[in-house]
């Protein structure tokens, strides 16, 4: 996984050097926003994992798994549940 990310970052760096400077400012701002959003997501996952691990008595990494699953699973709405039962 880390190798894929490294190759993609290297590819982005090579492509970015070929573009003009005015275009790279937009990419830098977009990259900064992306990094901040990923950092915020990791912080939320870590806080949730800590809470899950303390409340449920899990190991921290089990709490990480539980919080990621909780973020990725979409709850069913009442309309779709009623439509399935009828």
Protein backbone atom coordinates (compact mmCIF):
# COMPACT_ATOMS: atom_id res chain seq x y z
CA UNK A 1 0.00 0.00 0.00
CA UNK A 2 2.78 2.45 0.87
CA UNK A 3 4.53 1.61 -2.39
CA UNK A 4 1.44 2.53 -4.39
CA UNK A 5 1.14 5.85 -2.58
CA UNK A 6 4.85 6.58 -3.15
CA UNK A 7 4.58 5.85 -6.87
CA UNK A 8 1.49 8.05 -7.19
CA UNK A 9 3.18 10.91 -5.32
CA UNK A 10 6.25 10.58 -7.54
CA UNK A 11 4.05 10.58 -10.66
CA UNK A 12 2.22 13.69 -9.40
CA UNK A 13 5.56 15.41 -8.74
CA UNK A 14 6.83 14.66 -12.27
CA UNK A 15 3.60 15.81 -13.92
CA UNK A 16 3.42 18.90 -11.70
CA UNK A 17 6.91 20.07 -12.74
CA UNK A 18 5.80 20.23 -16.37
CA UNK A 19 2.96 22.66 -15.71
CA UNK A 20 3.13 26.40 -15.31
CA UNK A 21 3.51 28.05 -11.91
CA UNK A 22 0.04 29.60 -11.83
CA UNK A 23 -1.54 26.15 -12.14
CA UNK A 24 0.61 24.73 -9.34
CA UNK A 25 -0.76 27.20 -6.78
CA UNK A 26 -4.23 25.73 -7.23
CA UNK A 27 -2.79 22.23 -6.85
CA UNK A 28 -0.97 23.24 -3.68
CA UNK A 29 -4.16 24.60 -2.14
CA UNK A 30 -6.06 21.46 -3.17
CA UNK A 31 -3.28 19.31 -1.73
CA UNK A 32 -3.31 21.26 1.52
CA UNK A 33 -7.07 20.78 1.85
CA UNK A 34 -6.69 17.08 1.11
CA UNK A 35 -3.96 16.69 3.74
CA UNK A 36 -6.02 18.55 6.31
CA UNK A 37 -9.10 16.44 5.64
CA UNK A 38 -7.12 13.19 5.87
CA UNK A 39 -5.52 14.39 9.11
CA UNK A 40 -8.91 15.30 10.54
CA UNK A 41 -10.31 11.90 9.54
CA UNK A 42 -7.38 10.12 11.22
CA UNK A 43 -7.88 12.21 14.36
CA UNK A 44 -11.60 11.36 14.48
CA UNK A 45 -10.87 7.66 13.95
CA UNK A 46 -8.24 7.75 16.71
CA UNK A 47 -10.56 9.47 19.18
CA UNK A 48 -13.39 7.06 18.38
CA UNK A 49 -11.01 4.11 18.73
CA UNK A 50 -9.84 5.37 22.10
CA UNK A 51 -13.43 5.77 23.30
CA UNK A 52 -14.45 2.35 21.94
CA UNK A 53 -11.42 0.70 23.52
CA UNK A 54 -12.07 2.26 26.93
CA UNK A 55 -15.84 1.66 26.98
CA UNK A 56 -15.87 -1.84 25.53
CA UNK A 57 -12.54 -3.00 26.95
CA UNK A 58 -11.05 -3.51 23.48
CA UNK A 59 -7.42 -3.26 22.47
CA UNK A 60 -6.80 0.08 20.69
CA UNK A 61 -6.51 -1.56 17.24
CA UNK A 62 -9.82 -3.35 17.74
CA UNK A 63 -11.28 0.07 18.48
CA UNK A 64 -9.76 1.38 15.24
CA UNK A 65 -11.42 -1.46 13.33
CA UNK A 66 -14.78 -0.83 15.05
CA UNK A 67 -14.67 2.91 14.35
CA UNK A 68 -13.75 2.42 10.68
CA UNK A 69 -16.58 -0.07 10.27
CA UNK A 70 -18.93 2.39 11.98
CA UNK A 71 -17.85 5.13 9.55
CA UNK A 72 -18.23 2.96 6.45
CA UNK A 73 -21.52 1.18 7.18
CA UNK A 74 -24.54 3.14 6.04
CA UNK A 75 -27.61 2.72 8.28
CA UNK A 76 -30.84 1.71 6.67
CA UNK A 77 -33.63 4.21 6.61
CA UNK A 78 -37.06 3.26 7.91
CA UNK A 79 -38.60 3.58 4.44
CA UNK A 80 -36.33 1.00 2.86
CA UNK A 81 -36.79 -1.38 5.81
CA UNK A 82 -40.57 -1.12 5.48
CA UNK A 83 -40.40 -1.59 1.72
CA UNK A 84 -38.41 -4.80 2.16
CA UNK A 85 -40.86 -6.27 4.67
CA UNK A 86 -44.02 -5.52 2.67
